[in-house]
PDB file of N, CA and C in Angstrom:
ATOM      1  N   UNK A   1       0.818  -1.192   0.000  1.00  0.00           N
ATOM      2  CA  UNK A   1       0.000   0.000   0.000  1.00  0.00           C
ATOM      3  C   UNK A   1       0.864   1.259   0.000  1.00  0.00           C
ATOM      4  N   UNK A   2       1.946   1.224   0.760  1.00  0.00           N
ATOM      5  CA  UNK A   2       2.800   2.407   0.837  1.00  0.00           C
ATOM      6  C   UNK A   2       3.461   2.708  -0.496  1.00  0.00           C
ATOM      7  N   UNK A   3       3.907   1.671  -1.199  1.00  0.00           N
ATOM      8  CA  UNK A   3       4.567   1.884  -2.484  1.00  0.00           C
ATOM      9  C   UNK A   3       3.594   2.471  -3.503  1.00  0.00           C
ATOM     10  N   UNK A   4       2.394   1.950  -3.542  1.00  0.00           N
ATOM     11  CA  UNK A   4       1.386   2.472  -4.472  1.00  0.00           C
ATOM     12  C   UNK A   4       1.050   3.919  -4.141  1.00  0.00           C
ATOM     13  N   UNK A   5       0.861   4.205  -2.876  1.00  0.00           N
ATOM     14  CA  UNK A   5       0.558   5.576  -2.466  1.00  0.00           C
ATOM     15  C   UNK A   5       1.703   6.514  -2.803  1.00  0.00           C
ATOM     16  N   UNK A   6       2.933   6.074  -2.591  1.00  0.00           N
ATOM     17  CA  UNK A   6       4.098   6.888  -2.928  1.00  0.00           C
ATOM     18  C   UNK A   6       4.186   7.160  -4.417  1.00  0.00           C
ATOM     19  N   UNK A   7       3.941   6.154  -5.238  1.00  0.00           N
ATOM     20  CA  UNK A   7       3.976   6.350  -6.686  1.00  0.00           C
ATOM     21  C   UNK A   7       2.866   7.281  -7.166  1.00  0.00           C
ATOM     22  N   UNK A   8       1.697   7.158  -6.588  1.00  0.00           N
ATOM     23  CA  UNK A   8       0.597   8.055  -6.959  1.00  0.00           C
ATOM     24  C   UNK A   8       0.928   9.489  -6.563  1.00  0.00           C
ATOM     25  N   UNK A   9       1.451   9.693  -5.372  1.00  0.00           N
ATOM     26  CA  UNK A   9       1.844  11.042  -4.941  1.00  0.00           C
ATOM     27  C   UNK A   9       2.901  11.611  -5.883  1.00  0.00           C
ATOM     28  N   UNK A  10       3.885  10.786  -6.255  1.00  0.00           N
ATOM     29  CA  UNK A  10       4.930  11.244  -7.160  1.00  0.00           C
ATOM     30  C   UNK A  10       4.400  11.606  -8.534  1.00  0.00           C
ATOM     31  N   UNK A  11       3.503  10.787  -9.069  1.00  0.00           N
ATOM     32  CA  UNK A  11       2.939  11.066 -10.393  1.00  0.00           C
ATOM     33  C   UNK A  11       2.039  12.299 -10.387  1.00  0.00           C
ATOM     34  N   UNK A  12       1.269  12.457  -9.334  1.00  0.00           N
ATOM     35  CA  UNK A  12       0.377  13.616  -9.246  1.00  0.00           C
ATOM     36  C   UNK A  12       1.170  14.906  -9.101  1.00  0.00           C
ATOM     37  N   UNK A  13       2.333  14.835  -8.479  1.00  0.00           N
ATOM     38  CA  UNK A  13       3.129  16.048  -8.259  1.00  0.00           C
ATOM     39  C   UNK A  13       3.953  16.446  -9.485  1.00  0.00           C
ATOM     40  N   UNK A  14       3.930  15.670 -10.557  1.00  0.00           N
ATOM     41  CA  UNK A  14       4.710  16.013 -11.753  1.00  0.00           C
ATOM     42  C   UNK A  14       4.252  17.325 -12.385  1.00  0.00           C
ATOM     43  N   UNK A  15       2.969  17.510 -12.547  1.00  0.00           N
ATOM     44  CA  UNK A  15       2.462  18.725 -13.185  1.00  0.00           C
ATOM     45  C   UNK A  15       2.806  19.983 -12.375  1.00  0.00           C
ATOM     46  N   UNK A  16       2.545  20.029 -11.066  1.00  0.00           N
ATOM     47  CA  UNK A  16       2.969  21.215 -10.311  1.00  0.00           C
ATOM     48  C   UNK A  16       4.482  21.418 -10.319  1.00  0.00           C
ATOM     49  N   UNK A  17       5.249  20.324 -10.347  1.00  0.00           N
ATOM     50  CA  UNK A  17       6.706  20.444 -10.380  1.00  0.00           C
ATOM     51  C   UNK A  17       7.157  21.077 -11.689  1.00  0.00           C
ATOM     52  N   UNK A  18       6.579  20.658 -12.812  1.00  0.00           N
ATOM     53  CA  UNK A  18       6.950  21.231 -14.101  1.00  0.00           C
ATOM     54  C   UNK A  18       6.523  22.693 -14.207  1.00  0.00           C
ATOM     55  N   UNK A  19       5.359  23.012 -13.669  1.00  0.00           N
ATOM     56  CA  UNK A  19       4.898  24.399 -13.715  1.00  0.00           C
ATOM     57  C   UNK A  19       5.783  25.291 -12.845  1.00  0.00           C
ATOM     58  N   UNK A  20       6.177  24.815 -11.672  1.00  0.00           N
ATOM     59  CA  UNK A  20       7.075  25.570 -10.804  1.00  0.00           C
ATOM     60  C   UNK A  20       8.437  25.751 -11.459  1.00  0.00           C
ATOM     61  N   UNK A  21       8.921  24.714 -12.128  1.00  0.00           N
ATOM     62  CA  UNK A  21      10.212  24.804 -12.813  1.00  0.00           C
ATOM     63  C   UNK A  21      10.159  25.818 -13.951  1.00  0.00           C
ATOM     64  N   UNK A  22       9.087  25.816 -14.727  1.00  0.00           N
ATOM     65  CA  UNK A  22       8.963  26.777 -15.822  1.00  0.00           C
ATOM     66  C   UNK A  22       8.882  28.211 -15.296  1.00  0.00           C
ATOM     67  N   UNK A  23       8.144  28.406 -14.221  1.00  0.00           N
ATOM     68  CA  UNK A  23       8.033  29.736 -13.628  1.00  0.00           C
ATOM     69  C   UNK A  23       9.386  30.214 -13.099  1.00  0.00           C
ATOM     70  N   UNK A  24      10.105  29.343 -12.412  1.00  0.00           N
ATOM     71  CA  UNK A  24      11.416  29.748 -11.896  1.00  0.00           C
ATOM     72  C   UNK A  24      12.414  29.972 -13.031  1.00  0.00           C
ATOM     73  N   UNK A  25      12.278  29.246 -14.120  1.00  0.00           N
ATOM     74  CA  UNK A  25      13.153  29.439 -15.280  1.00  0.00           C
ATOM     75  C   UNK A  25      12.954  30.831 -15.870  1.00  0.00           C
ATOM     76  N   UNK A  26      11.686  31.246 -16.002  1.00  0.00           N
ATOM     77  CA  UNK A  26      11.408  32.586 -16.516  1.00  0.00           C
ATOM     78  C   UNK A  26      11.872  33.672 -15.550  1.00  0.00           C
ATOM     79  N   UNK A  27      11.647  33.467 -14.262  1.00  0.00           N
ATOM     80  CA  UNK A  27      12.042  34.461 -13.260  1.00  0.00           C
ATOM     81  C   UNK A  27      13.562  34.629 -13.223  1.00  0.00           C
ATOM     82  N   UNK A  28      14.300  33.540 -13.377  1.00  0.00           N
ATOM     83  CA  UNK A  28      15.757  33.602 -13.310  1.00  0.00           C
ATOM     84  C   UNK A  28      16.406  34.015 -14.634  1.00  0.00           C
ATOM     85  N   UNK A  29      15.614  34.335 -15.623  1.00  0.00           N
ATOM     86  CA  UNK A  29      16.166  34.860 -16.866  1.00  0.00           C
ATOM     87  C   UNK A  29      16.404  33.824 -17.931  1.00  0.00           C
ATOM     88  N   UNK A  30      15.600  32.816 -17.998  1.00  0.00           N
ATOM     89  CA  UNK A  30      15.772  31.767 -18.993  1.00  0.00           C
ATOM     90  C   UNK A  30      15.421  32.193 -20.398  1.00  0.00           C
ATOM     91  N   UNK A  31      14.789  33.333 -20.568  1.00  0.00           N
ATOM     92  CA  UNK A  31      14.402  33.773 -21.906  1.00  0.00           C
ATOM     93  C   UNK A  31      15.412  34.729 -22.504  1.00  0.00           C
ATOM     94  N   UNK A  32      16.597  34.819 -21.938  1.00  0.00           N
ATOM     95  CA  UNK A  32      17.585  35.782 -22.409  1.00  0.00           C
ATOM     96  C   UNK A  32      18.185  35.406 -23.761  1.00  0.00           C
ATOM     97  N   UNK A  33      18.004  34.178 -24.225  1.00  0.00           N
ATOM     98  CA  UNK A  33      18.505  33.759 -25.520  1.00  0.00           C
ATOM     99  C   UNK A  33      19.932  33.263 -25.497  1.00  0.00           C
ATOM    100  N   UNK A  34      20.582  33.268 -24.337  1.00  0.00           N
ATOM    101  CA  UNK A  34      21.946  32.762 -24.232  1.00  0.00           C
ATOM    102  C   UNK A  34      21.946  31.240 -24.315  1.00  0.00           C
ATOM    103  N   UNK A  35      23.135  30.692 -24.525  1.00  0.00           N
ATOM    104  CA  UNK A  35      23.274  29.239 -24.531  1.00  0.00           C
ATOM    105  C   UNK A  35      23.004  28.690 -23.137  1.00  0.00           C
ATOM    106  N   UNK A  36      22.826  27.364 -23.096  1.00  0.00           N
ATOM    107  CA  UNK A  36      22.587  26.673 -21.832  1.00  0.00           C
ATOM    108  C   UNK A  36      23.767  26.929 -20.899  1.00  0.00           C
ATOM    109  N   UNK A  37      23.453  27.282 -19.692  1.00  0.00           N
ATOM    110  CA  UNK A  37      24.498  27.530 -18.702  1.00  0.00           C
ATOM    111  C   UNK A  37      24.275  26.633 -17.501  1.00  0.00           C
ATOM    112  N   UNK A  38      25.295  26.524 -16.671  1.00  0.00           N
ATOM    113  CA  UNK A  38      25.229  25.619 -15.525  1.00  0.00           C
ATOM    114  C   UNK A  38      24.190  26.038 -14.501  1.00  0.00           C
ATOM    115  N   UNK A  39      23.856  27.315 -14.426  1.00  0.00           N
ATOM    116  CA  UNK A  39      22.889  27.739 -13.413  1.00  0.00           C
ATOM    117  C   UNK A  39      21.481  27.251 -13.740  1.00  0.00           C
ATOM    118  N   UNK A  40      21.247  26.795 -14.967  1.00  0.00           N
ATOM    119  CA  UNK A  40      19.923  26.295 -15.347  1.00  0.00           C
ATOM    120  C   UNK A  40      19.634  24.915 -14.773  1.00  0.00           C
ATOM    121  N   UNK A  41      20.632  24.259 -14.209  1.00  0.00           N
ATOM    122  CA  UNK A  41      20.408  22.948 -13.604  1.00  0.00           C
ATOM    123  C   UNK A  41      19.428  23.076 -12.440  1.00  0.00           C
ATOM    124  N   UNK A  42      19.488  24.179 -11.698  1.00  0.00           N
ATOM    125  CA  UNK A  42      18.597  24.386 -10.558  1.00  0.00           C
ATOM    126  C   UNK A  42      17.129  24.421 -10.947  1.00  0.00           C
ATOM    127  N   UNK A  43      16.723  25.344 -11.832  1.00  0.00           N
ATOM    128  CA  UNK A  43      15.308  25.395 -12.150  1.00  0.00           C
ATOM    129  C   UNK A  43      14.822  24.237 -13.015  1.00  0.00           C
ATOM    130  N   UNK A  44      15.697  23.634 -13.791  1.00  0.00           N
ATOM    131  CA  UNK A  44      15.235  22.596 -14.719  1.00  0.00           C
ATOM    132  C   UNK A  44      15.262  21.187 -14.127  1.00  0.00           C
ATOM    133  N   UNK A  45      16.166  20.923 -13.201  1.00  0.00           N
ATOM    134  CA  UNK A  45      16.273  19.580 -12.644  1.00  0.00           C
ATOM    135  C   UNK A  45      16.115  19.540 -11.137  1.00  0.00           C
ATOM    136  N   UNK A  46      16.722  20.466 -10.432  1.00  0.00           N
ATOM    137  CA  UNK A  46      16.740  20.412  -8.975  1.00  0.00           C
ATOM    138  C   UNK A  46      15.361  20.692  -8.372  1.00  0.00           C
ATOM    139  N   UNK A  47      14.700  21.741  -8.803  1.00  0.00           N
ATOM    140  CA  UNK A  47      13.393  22.095  -8.238  1.00  0.00           C
ATOM    141  C   UNK A  47      12.348  21.010  -8.503  1.00  0.00           C
ATOM    142  N   UNK A  48      12.162  20.560  -9.766  1.00  0.00           N
ATOM    143  CA  UNK A  48      11.180  19.480  -9.964  1.00  0.00           C
ATOM    144  C   UNK A  48      11.568  18.183  -9.254  1.00  0.00           C
ATOM    145  N   UNK A  49      12.861  17.897  -9.207  1.00  0.00           N
ATOM    146  CA  UNK A  49      13.302  16.681  -8.529  1.00  0.00           C
ATOM    147  C   UNK A  49      13.002  16.703  -7.036  1.00  0.00           C
ATOM    148  N   UNK A  50      13.193  17.856  -6.422  1.00  0.00           N
ATOM    149  CA  UNK A  50      12.890  17.978  -4.993  1.00  0.00           C
ATOM    150  C   UNK A  50      11.392  17.866  -4.725  1.00  0.00           C
ATOM    151  N   UNK A  51      10.581  18.454  -5.592  1.00  0.00           N
ATOM    152  CA  UNK A  51       9.129  18.393  -5.402  1.00  0.00           C
ATOM    153  C   UNK A  51       8.626  16.963  -5.559  1.00  0.00           C
ATOM    154  N   UNK A  52       9.030  16.296  -6.642  1.00  0.00           N
ATOM    155  CA  UNK A  52       8.573  14.926  -6.879  1.00  0.00           C
ATOM    156  C   UNK A  52       9.161  13.973  -5.840  1.00  0.00           C
ATOM    157  N   UNK A  53      10.435  14.134  -5.519  1.00  0.00           N
ATOM    158  CA  UNK A  53      11.055  13.276  -4.509  1.00  0.00           C
ATOM    159  C   UNK A  53      10.443  13.463  -3.130  1.00  0.00           C
ATOM    160  N   UNK A  54      10.125  14.706  -2.786  1.00  0.00           N
ATOM    161  CA  UNK A  54       9.489  14.958  -1.496  1.00  0.00           C
ATOM    162  C   UNK A  54       8.108  14.355  -1.398  1.00  0.00           C
ATOM    163  N   UNK A  55       7.329  14.465  -2.458  1.00  0.00           N
ATOM    164  CA  UNK A  55       5.991  13.876  -2.421  1.00  0.00           C
ATOM    165  C   UNK A  55       6.062  12.355  -2.447  1.00  0.00           C
ATOM    166  N   UNK A  56       7.046  11.793  -3.147  1.00  0.00           N
ATOM    167  CA  UNK A  56       7.235  10.348  -3.123  1.00  0.00           C
ATOM    168  C   UNK A  56       7.601   9.891  -1.712  1.00  0.00           C
ATOM    169  N   UNK A  57       8.479  10.627  -1.059  1.00  0.00           N
ATOM    170  CA  UNK A  57       8.864  10.305   0.322  1.00  0.00           C
ATOM    171  C   UNK A  57       7.661  10.386   1.260  1.00  0.00           C
ATOM    172  N   UNK A  58       6.824  11.410   1.091  1.00  0.00           N
ATOM    173  CA  UNK A  58       5.637  11.530   1.945  1.00  0.00           C
ATOM    174  C   UNK A  58       4.674  10.364   1.725  1.00  0.00           C
ATOM    175  N   UNK A  59       4.595   9.876   0.504  1.00  0.00           N
ATOM    176  CA  UNK A  59       3.731   8.732   0.226  1.00  0.00           C
ATOM    177  C   UNK A  59       4.286   7.432   0.780  1.00  0.00           C
ATOM    178  N   UNK A  60       5.606   7.291   0.815  1.00  0.00           N
ATOM    179  CA  UNK A  60       6.225   6.065   1.320  1.00  0.00           C
ATOM    180  C   UNK A  60       6.314   6.024   2.837  1.00  0.00           C
ATOM    181  N   UNK A  61       6.100   7.147   3.473  1.00  0.00           N
ATOM    182  CA  UNK A  61       6.227   7.247   4.930  1.00  0.00           C
ATOM    183  C   UNK A  61       5.183   6.383   5.615  1.00  0.00           C
ATOM    184  N   UNK A  62       5.585   5.739   6.696  1.00  0.00           N
ATOM    185  CA  UNK A  62       4.677   4.894   7.463  1.00  0.00           C
ATOM    186  C   UNK A  62       3.873   5.781   8.412  1.00  0.00           C
ATOM    187  N   UNK A  63       2.560   5.607   8.368  1.00  0.00           N
ATOM    188  CA  UNK A  63       1.693   6.425   9.207  1.00  0.00           C
ATOM    189  C   UNK A  63       1.456   5.828  10.579  1.00  0.00           C
ATOM    190  N   UNK A  64       1.892   4.635  10.783  1.00  0.00           N
ATOM    191  CA  UNK A  64       1.647   3.992  12.074  1.00  0.00           C
ATOM    192  C   UNK A  64       0.291   3.313  12.085  1.00  0.00           C
ATOM    193  N   UNK A  65      -0.046   2.809  13.245  1.00  0.00           N
ATOM    194  CA  UNK A  65      -1.293   2.096  13.377  1.00  0.00           C
ATOM    195  C   UNK A  65      -2.446   3.063  13.586  1.00  0.00           C
ATOM    196  N   UNK A  66      -3.534   2.853  12.870  1.00  0.00           N
ATOM    197  CA  UNK A  66      -4.709   3.703  12.985  1.00  0.00           C
ATOM    198  C   UNK A  66      -5.621   3.132  14.049  1.00  0.00           C
ATOM    199  N   UNK A  67      -5.950   3.949  15.058  1.00  0.00           N
ATOM    200  CA  UNK A  67      -6.830   3.516  16.137  1.00  0.00           C
ATOM    201  C   UNK A  67      -8.249   3.956  15.830  1.00  0.00           C
ATOM    202  N   UNK A  68      -9.177   3.046  16.046  1.00  0.00           N
ATOM    203  CA  UNK A  68     -10.586   3.366  15.777  1.00  0.00           C
ATOM    204  C   UNK A  68     -11.399   3.377  17.042  1.00  0.00           C
TER     205      UNK A  68
END
């Protein structure tokens, strides 16, 4: 159950991660027309990776026993 929940959380977070990455790319000057530079690794890979990885981790986390 935890693996399935983690994968669903990760897949659902892809769209917000890509939108956040595109927004940060524009804010940091990605439309300047220059060649690819090393600073673009942050908005293009690091930000979406952290968002998807964090949501995957939250899905894989054990919630403990549920008391009724």
